[in-house]
Amino acid sequence: MRRFAAVLGLCLALTELPAAAADADGYTTVVIAAETGEVLHAVRADAPRKPASLAKLMTIYLLLEALEDGEIGLGDPIRVSAHAAAQPPVKLGLEKGETIRALDAFKALVVRSSNDVAVAVAERLARDEARFADRMTAKAAELGMTRTRFKNATGLPHPDDTTTARDMAVLAEALRRDFPAYYGLFSVPSLVWGGELLPNHNRVLYAVDGADGLKTGYTREAGYTLAASAGRDGQRVIVVVMGAPSLDARATFAADLFDAAFAELERRAPALVYAEDRPRDAVILRASADEPPRGVRIIVEPAGAASVDPAPAESEPADLEPVKKPVDEAAAAAPARPDWGVQVGAYNTAAAAEARLSEVLDLAAADLRGAVRLVAPAENSGSLIWRARLIGVDESAARAACAKVAASGGGCFVVGAD
């Protein structure tokens, strides 16, 4: 199938795909800048669609809410009923009376999209699946998903269930925003169950730089669906694709949308602006993340001040003389430190984060040799949490370490160093 990059031109002024092209392939899509909520690109984002297994994102949301409320613990068993065991594939193949830990249930929903697990979770939290579906719909309305109605915990076909690409983007961002301590589980590479290694079939995790979750889905009526998130250089983008005709088309289109969206955000970023009428050692810096030239004073331009033309990116203005500083030749000659790492959780205390880092270093010592321990504070709903990270390794080592942590039952996702 042709790549939609050709349709987008990858300049992605991010307006709209030609309607005929989008209709021909059955896509509905939305691309959102997570930090601002700005819609960067949309094709019929509010058109009704079947949720397929993206419905399990709401099942997961309610499970995480129960975990945070203390209604259930990560190690608590969830018992499987006859109704749950009878669900059609895809499933783990759980039998009536069998149990699964809440943590493994979470991972099974993400990695395997297990229908038997989804129903078991629903029955554990609301006694039966119908009540749970009502809770799913109520929570959707609370989050602002105005066009969504769930009729089961799985996303299996039902005549009355419906959602939209835009609503699924709202849910994806809510999961990241409301449950940062658990968000890393959306990128677990695999689940070990019954002695079998079950890989995560979300190809975007491996094909898109900075991707860190969330979930894929498929039914014949819905087509191939995806809600995914990725972060690069301090920017985060959420992409939802619904109605793709194949696994390859879903992954390719999503990757193209991510690349184009980040390119557009980078294009918009203001650069250093040099003022001819300022002192020779001054530049004006407007909302830029770039570092100014060394030794140059920064003057922040007041709001409403006249703009000036930026200097060419490849060189400084000829009349600007940065102050020269001694150069540490040994440091300059040293190879750049790898900038990949892993995040293994977020905790209520720094001590708990430190303890978890020690556990992970013991578990994946070979992959994390030379890594720097980073316990970073962050705000979550007015409370302080501590993110536990190990940074300063290459990408392959970070992914290998996360695979070991995930196989041991812990949360882990790959990050770039701050």
Protein backbone atom coordinates (compact mmCIF):
# COMPACT_ATOMS: atom_id res chain seq x y z
CA MET A 1 0.00 0.00 0.00
CA ARG A 2 1.25 3.49 -0.81
CA ARG A 3 2.68 5.48 2.08
CA PHE A 4 0.67 8.42 3.30
CA ALA A 5 3.87 10.42 3.53
CA ALA A 6 3.35 11.08 -0.16
CA VAL A 7 -0.08 12.53 0.57
CA LEU A 8 1.16 14.60 3.48
CA GLY A 9 4.29 15.72 1.66
CA LEU A 10 5.86 15.46 5.11
CA CYS A 11 5.95 19.22 5.32
CA LEU A 12 2.73 18.67 7.24
CA ALA A 13 1.40 22.12 7.56
CA LEU A 14 -0.79 19.61 9.37
CA THR A 15 -4.01 20.84 7.97
CA GLU A 16 -5.88 17.95 6.40
CA LEU A 17 -5.35 15.02 4.09
CA PRO A 18 -7.29 15.19 0.82
CA ALA A 19 -10.67 13.79 1.79
CA ALA A 20 -10.86 11.40 -1.15
CA ALA A 21 -7.52 9.85 -0.24
CA ALA A 22 -8.50 9.44 3.40
CA ASP A 23 -11.89 7.99 2.51
CA ALA A 24 -10.39 5.51 0.06
CA ASP A 25 -8.34 3.87 2.77
CA GLY A 26 -10.85 4.26 5.58
CA TYR A 27 -8.62 6.26 7.89
CA THR A 28 -9.64 8.62 10.62
CA THR A 29 -6.75 10.27 12.41
CA VAL A 30 -5.80 12.96 14.87
CA VAL A 31 -2.39 14.28 15.91
CA ILE A 32 -2.16 16.35 19.10
CA ALA A 33 0.66 18.28 20.76
CA ALA A 34 0.30 16.93 24.29
CA GLU A 35 1.79 19.93 26.09
CA THR A 36 -0.68 22.42 24.61
CA GLY A 37 -3.58 20.26 23.44
CA GLU A 38 -3.26 21.79 19.96
CA VAL A 39 -4.60 19.63 17.15
CA LEU A 40 -1.79 19.50 14.61
CA HIS A 41 -3.55 17.30 12.09
CA ALA A 42 -6.97 15.71 11.78
CA VAL A 43 -8.96 13.70 9.27
CA ARG A 44 -12.57 13.23 10.37
CA ALA A 45 -11.38 13.07 13.96
CA ASP A 46 -14.99 13.19 15.23
CA ALA A 47 -16.41 10.56 12.87
CA PRO A 48 -17.95 7.63 14.78
CA ARG A 49 -15.77 4.53 14.85
CA LYS A 50 -15.75 1.21 16.67
CA PRO A 51 -13.14 1.25 19.44
CA ALA A 52 -11.85 -2.32 18.97
CA SER A 53 -9.18 -3.06 21.58
CA LEU A 54 -8.55 0.63 22.21
CA ALA A 55 -11.51 0.16 24.57
CA LYS A 56 -9.05 -1.64 26.83
CA LEU A 57 -7.33 1.70 27.44
CA MET A 58 -10.38 2.63 29.49
CA THR A 59 -10.34 -0.78 31.19
CA ILE A 60 -6.73 -0.01 32.12
CA TYR A 61 -7.64 3.52 33.26
CA LEU A 62 -10.18 2.15 35.72
CA LEU A 63 -7.74 -0.53 36.89
CA LEU A 64 -5.10 2.11 37.56
CA GLU A 65 -7.65 4.26 39.37
CA ALA A 66 -8.47 1.27 41.58
CA LEU A 67 -4.77 0.71 42.26
CA GLU A 68 -4.24 4.32 43.29
CA ASP A 69 -7.37 4.28 45.46
CA GLY A 70 -6.16 1.15 47.25
CA GLU A 71 -9.09 -0.91 46.01
CA ILE A 72 -6.64 -3.46 44.63
CA GLY A 73 -2.88 -4.00 44.86
CA LEU A 74 -0.41 -4.85 42.11
CA GLY A 75 0.18 -8.29 43.61
CA ASP A 76 -3.48 -9.06 44.33
CA PRO A 77 -5.01 -12.01 42.48
CA ILE A 78 -7.87 -11.50 40.03
CA ARG A 79 -10.04 -14.58 39.72
CA VAL A 80 -11.27 -15.72 36.31
CA SER A 81 -14.97 -16.54 35.88
CA ALA A 82 -16.53 -18.87 33.35
CA HIS A 83 -17.67 -15.80 31.39
CA ALA A 84 -14.14 -14.37 31.30
CA ALA A 85 -12.58 -17.70 30.32
CA ALA A 86 -15.11 -18.08 27.47
CA GLN A 87 -14.04 -14.87 25.69
CA PRO A 88 -12.83 -15.32 22.11
CA PRO A 89 -9.19 -14.75 21.14
CA VAL A 90 -6.97 -12.89 21.48
CA LYS A 91 -6.54 -14.11 25.06
CA LEU A 92 -4.12 -15.73 27.49
CA GLY A 93 -6.23 -18.88 27.68
CA LEU A 94 -7.08 -18.56 31.37
CA GLU A 95 -9.41 -21.18 32.79
CA LYS A 96 -12.34 -20.78 35.16
CA GLY A 97 -11.07 -20.45 38.74
CA GLU A 98 -7.55 -19.51 37.69
CA THR A 99 -6.07 -16.23 38.98
CA ILE A 100 -3.76 -13.57 37.58
CA ARG A 101 -1.97 -10.80 39.50
CA ALA A 102 -3.15 -7.25 38.82
CA LEU A 103 0.33 -6.33 37.52
CA ASP A 104 0.32 -9.22 35.06
CA ALA A 105 -3.24 -8.32 34.06
CA PHE A 106 -2.09 -4.80 33.17
CA LYS A 107 0.77 -6.17 31.06
CA ALA A 108 -1.47 -8.77 29.40
CA LEU A 109 -3.88 -6.03 28.33
CA VAL A 110 -1.06 -3.96 26.82
CA VAL A 111 1.10 -6.69 25.29
CA ARG A 112 -1.45 -9.36 24.38
CA SER A 113 -4.71 -7.37 24.38
CA SER A 114 -6.19 -10.32 26.24
CA ASN A 115 -9.97 -10.45 26.17
CA ASP A 116 -10.22 -12.98 29.02
CA VAL A 117 -8.09 -10.72 31.23
CA ALA A 118 -10.14 -7.61 30.36
CA VAL A 119 -13.36 -9.30 31.47
CA ALA A 120 -11.73 -10.68 34.63
CA VAL A 121 -10.60 -7.15 35.55
CA ALA A 122 -14.09 -5.80 34.86
CA GLU A 123 -15.71 -8.40 37.09
CA ARG A 124 -13.15 -7.83 39.86
CA LEU A 125 -13.84 -4.08 39.92
CA ALA A 126 -17.59 -3.95 39.22
CA ARG A 127 -18.91 -7.50 39.84
CA ASP A 128 -20.03 -7.92 36.23
CA GLU A 129 -18.99 -6.68 32.82
CA ALA A 130 -22.18 -4.72 32.08
CA ARG A 131 -21.78 -2.60 35.23
CA PHE A 132 -18.14 -2.08 34.38
CA ALA A 133 -19.03 -0.91 30.86
CA ASP A 134 -21.37 1.66 32.39
CA ARG A 135 -18.47 2.88 34.55
CA MET A 136 -16.27 3.07 31.46
CA THR A 137 -18.79 5.27 29.69
CA ALA A 138 -19.26 7.49 32.75
CA LYS A 139 -15.51 7.95 33.09
CA ALA A 140 -15.26 8.77 29.38
CA ALA A 141 -17.78 11.58 29.84
CA GLU A 142 -15.89 12.82 32.90
CA LEU A 143 -12.66 13.00 30.89
CA GLY A 144 -14.33 14.92 28.05
CA MET A 145 -14.77 12.02 25.62
CA THR A 146 -18.11 13.38 24.44
CA ARG A 147 -18.73 10.91 21.60
CA THR A 148 -17.79 7.64 23.29
CA ARG A 149 -19.98 4.83 24.60
CA PHE A 150 -18.58 1.51 25.79
CA LYS A 151 -20.63 -1.66 25.97
CA ASN A 152 -17.97 -4.11 27.16
CA ALA A 153 -14.49 -4.21 28.65
CA THR A 154 -12.80 -5.67 25.57
CA GLY A 155 -13.82 -3.69 22.51
CA LEU A 156 -15.21 -6.83 20.90
CA PRO A 157 -17.97 -5.96 18.38
CA HIS A 158 -21.22 -4.61 19.82
CA PRO A 159 -23.89 -2.73 17.86
CA ASP A 160 -24.06 0.14 20.36
CA ASP A 161 -20.43 0.91 21.16
CA THR A 162 -18.80 3.93 19.53
CA THR A 163 -15.90 6.34 19.85
CA THR A 164 -13.80 8.76 17.78
CA ALA A 165 -10.14 9.33 17.08
CA ARG A 166 -10.28 12.60 19.02
CA ASP A 167 -11.84 10.93 22.07
CA MET A 168 -9.16 8.24 22.05
CA ALA A 169 -6.47 10.93 21.99
CA VAL A 170 -8.10 12.47 25.08
CA LEU A 171 -7.94 9.09 26.82
CA ALA A 172 -4.32 8.50 25.82
CA GLU A 173 -3.25 11.83 27.28
CA ALA A 174 -5.32 11.24 30.44
CA LEU A 175 -3.49 7.96 31.09
CA ARG A 176 -0.10 9.66 30.80
CA ARG A 177 -1.18 12.67 32.86
CA ASP A 178 -3.10 10.90 35.62
CA PHE A 179 -0.89 7.84 36.18
CA PRO A 180 2.76 8.76 35.60
CA ALA A 181 3.98 6.10 38.04
CA TYR A 182 2.47 3.35 35.89
CA TYR A 183 2.86 4.85 32.43
CA GLY A 184 6.11 3.00 31.73
CA LEU A 185 4.18 -0.28 31.61
CA PHE A 186 2.68 0.78 28.28
CA SER A 187 6.04 0.17 26.64
CA VAL A 188 6.90 -3.23 28.15
CA PRO A 189 8.48 -5.24 25.31
CA SER A 190 7.04 -8.60 26.31
CA LEU A 191 5.12 -10.69 28.82
CA VAL A 192 6.21 -14.11 30.05
CA TRP A 193 3.18 -16.30 30.67
CA GLY A 194 2.94 -20.06 30.98
CA GLY A 195 6.61 -20.36 30.11
CA GLU A 196 6.07 -18.54 26.81
CA LEU A 197 7.52 -15.16 25.83
CA LEU A 198 4.75 -13.02 24.33
CA PRO A 199 6.19 -9.97 22.50
CA ASN A 200 4.49 -6.59 22.37
CA HIS A 201 3.09 -6.29 18.86
CA ASN A 202 2.93 -2.49 18.93
CA ARG A 203 5.42 -1.87 16.11
CA VAL A 204 5.44 1.87 16.74
CA LEU A 205 7.48 1.24 19.89
CA TYR A 206 10.35 0.04 17.73
CA ALA A 207 9.83 2.15 14.61
CA VAL A 208 9.36 5.64 16.09
CA ASP A 209 12.05 7.55 17.97
CA GLY A 210 10.85 8.43 21.46
CA ALA A 211 7.75 6.20 21.35
CA ASP A 212 6.64 5.02 24.81
CA GLY A 213 3.16 3.41 24.43
CA LEU A 214 0.13 3.05 24.33
CA LYS A 215 -1.98 0.41 22.52
CA THR A 216 -3.08 -1.22 19.28
CA GLY A 217 -6.36 -2.88 18.32
CA TYR A 218 -8.19 -4.71 15.56
CA THR A 219 -11.61 -6.03 14.65
CA ARG A 220 -12.95 -6.64 11.17
CA GLU A 221 -15.42 -3.77 11.51
CA ALA A 222 -12.99 -1.30 13.11
CA GLY A 223 -9.92 -2.13 11.04
CA TYR A 224 -6.46 -1.70 12.53
CA THR A 225 -6.36 0.96 15.25
CA LEU A 226 -3.66 2.62 17.30
CA ALA A 227 -3.25 5.23 20.02
CA ALA A 228 0.41 6.10 20.54
CA SER A 229 2.59 8.67 22.27
CA ALA A 230 6.16 9.79 21.67
CA GLY A 231 8.44 12.46 23.08
CA ARG A 232 11.43 14.22 21.51
CA ASP A 233 13.44 17.23 22.63
CA GLY A 234 10.93 18.28 25.28
CA GLN A 235 7.92 17.96 22.95
CA ARG A 236 5.29 15.22 23.12
CA VAL A 237 2.90 14.13 20.39
CA ILE A 238 -0.11 11.81 20.53
CA VAL A 239 -1.19 10.05 17.35
CA VAL A 240 -4.43 8.11 16.88
CA VAL A 241 -5.07 6.07 13.74
CA MET A 242 -8.37 4.24 13.22
CA GLY A 243 -9.48 2.14 10.29
CA ALA A 244 -6.11 1.22 8.78
CA PRO A 245 -6.34 -1.74 6.37
CA SER A 246 -3.29 -3.66 7.66
CA LEU A 247 -0.65 -3.90 10.35
CA ASP A 248 1.95 -2.43 8.01
CA ALA A 249 -0.29 0.45 6.94
CA ARG A 250 -1.09 1.31 10.57
CA ALA A 251 2.56 1.35 11.63
CA THR A 252 3.77 3.20 8.54
CA PHE A 253 1.10 5.89 8.67
CA ALA A 254 1.62 6.45 12.40
CA ALA A 255 5.39 6.72 11.97
CA ASP A 256 4.96 9.24 9.16
CA LEU A 257 2.56 11.31 11.27
CA PHE A 258 4.96 11.37 14.21
CA ASP A 259 7.93 12.40 12.07
CA ALA A 260 5.95 15.11 10.33
CA ALA A 261 4.45 16.45 13.55
CA PHE A 262 7.82 16.71 15.29
CA ALA A 263 9.30 18.34 12.19
CA GLU A 264 6.52 20.92 12.27
CA LEU A 265 7.02 21.62 15.98
CA GLU A 266 10.75 22.01 15.43
CA ARG A 267 10.13 24.35 12.49
CA ARG A 268 7.97 26.58 14.68
CA ALA A 269 10.53 26.89 17.48
CA PRO A 270 11.94 30.42 17.59
CA ALA A 271 15.68 30.79 17.16
CA LEU A 272 18.11 33.28 18.68
CA VAL A 273 17.38 36.77 17.40
CA TYR A 274 20.25 39.22 17.12
CA ALA A 275 19.63 42.97 17.48
CA GLU A 276 21.84 45.38 15.55
CA ASP A 277 21.09 48.24 17.93
CA ARG A 278 22.05 46.32 21.07
CA PRO A 279 25.48 46.31 22.75
CA ARG A 280 28.09 44.30 20.91
CA ASP A 281 28.06 41.57 23.55
CA ALA A 282 24.25 41.17 23.69
CA VAL A 283 21.65 39.05 21.95
CA ILE A 284 17.90 38.86 22.35
CA LEU A 285 16.47 35.48 23.31
CA ARG A 286 12.76 34.92 22.72
CA ALA A 287 11.21 31.67 24.03
CA SER A 288 14.09 29.57 22.74
CA ALA A 289 15.47 26.38 24.23
CA ASP A 290 18.78 26.93 22.43
CA GLU A 291 21.93 27.83 24.35
CA PRO A 292 23.27 31.32 23.54
CA PRO A 293 26.84 31.64 22.30
CA ARG A 294 29.30 31.29 25.17
CA GLY A 295 30.22 34.54 26.84
CA VAL A 296 27.32 36.49 25.35
CA ARG A 297 24.94 38.37 27.61
CA ILE A 298 21.23 37.67 27.18
CA ILE A 299 18.66 40.44 27.00
CA VAL A 300 15.05 39.29 27.15
CA GLU A 301 13.03 41.40 24.73
CA PRO A 302 9.95 42.92 26.41
CA ALA A 303 6.54 41.98 25.05
CA GLY A 304 5.53 43.99 22.01
CA ALA A 305 9.08 44.95 21.05
CA ALA A 306 9.90 45.15 17.39
CA SER A 307 11.26 42.00 15.81
CA VAL A 308 14.58 41.83 14.02
CA ASP A 309 15.84 39.43 11.41
CA PRO A 310 17.68 36.39 12.78
CA ALA A 311 21.29 35.78 11.88
CA PRO A 312 22.00 32.89 9.53
CA ALA A 313 21.95 29.65 11.49
CA GLU A 314 25.34 28.53 10.16
CA SER A 315 27.36 31.47 11.58
CA GLU A 316 27.35 34.23 14.15
CA PRO A 317 27.02 37.88 13.03
CA ALA A 318 30.40 39.25 12.07
CA ASP A 319 30.23 42.04 14.66
CA LEU A 320 29.50 39.74 17.59
CA GLU A 321 32.62 38.82 19.59
CA PRO A 322 31.90 36.14 22.18
CA VAL A 323 34.22 36.11 25.17
CA LYS A 324 36.77 33.31 24.76
CA LYS A 325 37.09 30.87 27.66
CA PRO A 326 39.77 28.27 28.36
CA VAL A 327 39.07 24.95 26.69
CA ASP A 328 39.42 21.68 28.56
CA GLU A 329 41.19 19.76 25.79
CA ALA A 330 40.86 16.41 27.54
CA ALA A 331 37.10 16.88 27.93
CA ALA A 332 36.76 18.06 24.35
CA ALA A 333 38.57 14.98 23.08
CA ALA A 334 36.49 12.57 25.16
CA PRO A 335 33.75 10.67 23.31
CA ALA A 336 30.22 11.90 23.82
CA ARG A 337 28.38 10.08 26.58
CA PRO A 338 25.50 7.89 25.35
CA ASP A 339 22.24 9.63 26.08
CA TRP A 340 19.86 6.70 26.49
CA GLY A 341 18.56 5.32 29.74
CA VAL A 342 15.65 3.68 31.51
CA GLN A 343 12.93 4.86 33.87
CA VAL A 344 11.83 2.18 36.31
CA GLY A 345 9.11 3.90 38.25
CA ALA A 346 7.90 6.98 40.11
CA TYR A 347 7.69 6.91 43.89
CA ASN A 348 6.36 8.95 46.79
CA THR A 349 9.81 9.31 48.36
CA ALA A 350 13.34 9.73 47.03
CA ALA A 351 14.45 6.83 49.23
CA ALA A 352 11.99 4.47 47.56
CA ALA A 353 13.22 5.57 44.13
CA GLU A 354 16.85 5.01 45.21
CA ALA A 355 16.00 1.55 46.51
CA ARG A 356 14.36 0.61 43.22
CA LEU A 357 17.41 1.79 41.28
CA SER A 358 19.59 -0.50 43.37
CA GLU A 359 17.30 -3.45 42.61
CA VAL A 360 17.38 -2.73 38.87
CA LEU A 361 21.16 -2.35 38.84
CA ASP A 362 21.46 -5.79 40.43
CA LEU A 363 19.03 -7.22 37.89
CA ALA A 364 20.58 -5.74 34.75
CA ALA A 365 24.13 -4.91 35.85
CA ALA A 366 25.78 -5.88 32.54
CA ASP A 367 23.50 -3.67 30.44
CA LEU A 368 23.62 -0.71 32.81
CA ARG A 369 27.35 -0.69 33.50
CA GLY A 370 28.46 2.93 33.92
CA ALA A 371 24.90 4.30 34.08
CA VAL A 372 24.24 7.36 36.22
CA ARG A 373 21.56 7.15 38.89
CA LEU A 374 18.99 9.93 38.57
CA VAL A 375 16.22 10.53 41.11
CA ALA A 376 14.26 13.47 39.72
CA PRO A 377 11.35 15.21 41.47
CA ALA A 378 8.17 15.94 39.51
CA GLU A 379 4.71 17.24 40.35
CA ASN A 380 1.67 15.01 39.96
CA SER A 381 -1.77 16.45 40.79
CA GLY A 382 -0.26 18.77 43.37
CA SER A 383 1.87 16.07 45.01
CA LEU A 384 5.59 15.47 44.65
CA ILE A 385 6.78 12.19 43.12
CA TRP A 386 10.29 10.94 42.43
CA ARG A 387 11.16 9.41 39.07
CA ALA A 388 13.81 6.69 39.18
CA ARG A 389 16.10 6.69 36.13
CA LEU A 390 19.43 5.22 35.09
CA ILE A 391 20.95 7.18 32.20
CA GLY A 392 24.12 7.26 30.16
CA VAL A 393 24.01 4.01 28.18
CA ASP A 394 23.39 3.29 24.50
CA GLU A 395 19.97 2.45 23.09
CA SER A 396 20.54 -1.29 22.74
CA ALA A 397 21.73 -1.56 26.34
CA ALA A 398 18.73 0.44 27.59
CA ARG A 399 16.27 -1.77 25.70
CA ALA A 400 17.99 -4.94 26.90
CA ALA A 401 17.85 -3.71 30.50
CA CYS A 402 14.14 -2.87 30.19
CA ALA A 403 13.44 -6.33 28.79
CA LYS A 404 15.03 -7.91 31.88
CA VAL A 405 13.17 -5.62 34.26
CA ALA A 406 9.86 -6.29 32.52
CA ALA A 407 10.45 -10.05 32.51
CA SER A 408 10.94 -9.88 36.29
CA GLY A 409 7.54 -8.21 36.70
CA GLY A 410 8.64 -4.60 37.03
CA GLY A 411 7.78 -1.48 35.05
CA CYS A 412 10.39 0.00 32.76
CA PHE A 413 10.59 2.19 29.68
CA VAL A 414 13.42 3.57 27.58
CA VAL A 415 14.15 7.31 27.80
CA GLY A 416 16.58 9.84 26.44
CA ALA A 417 18.69 11.65 29.03
CA ASP A 418 17.31 14.98 30.23
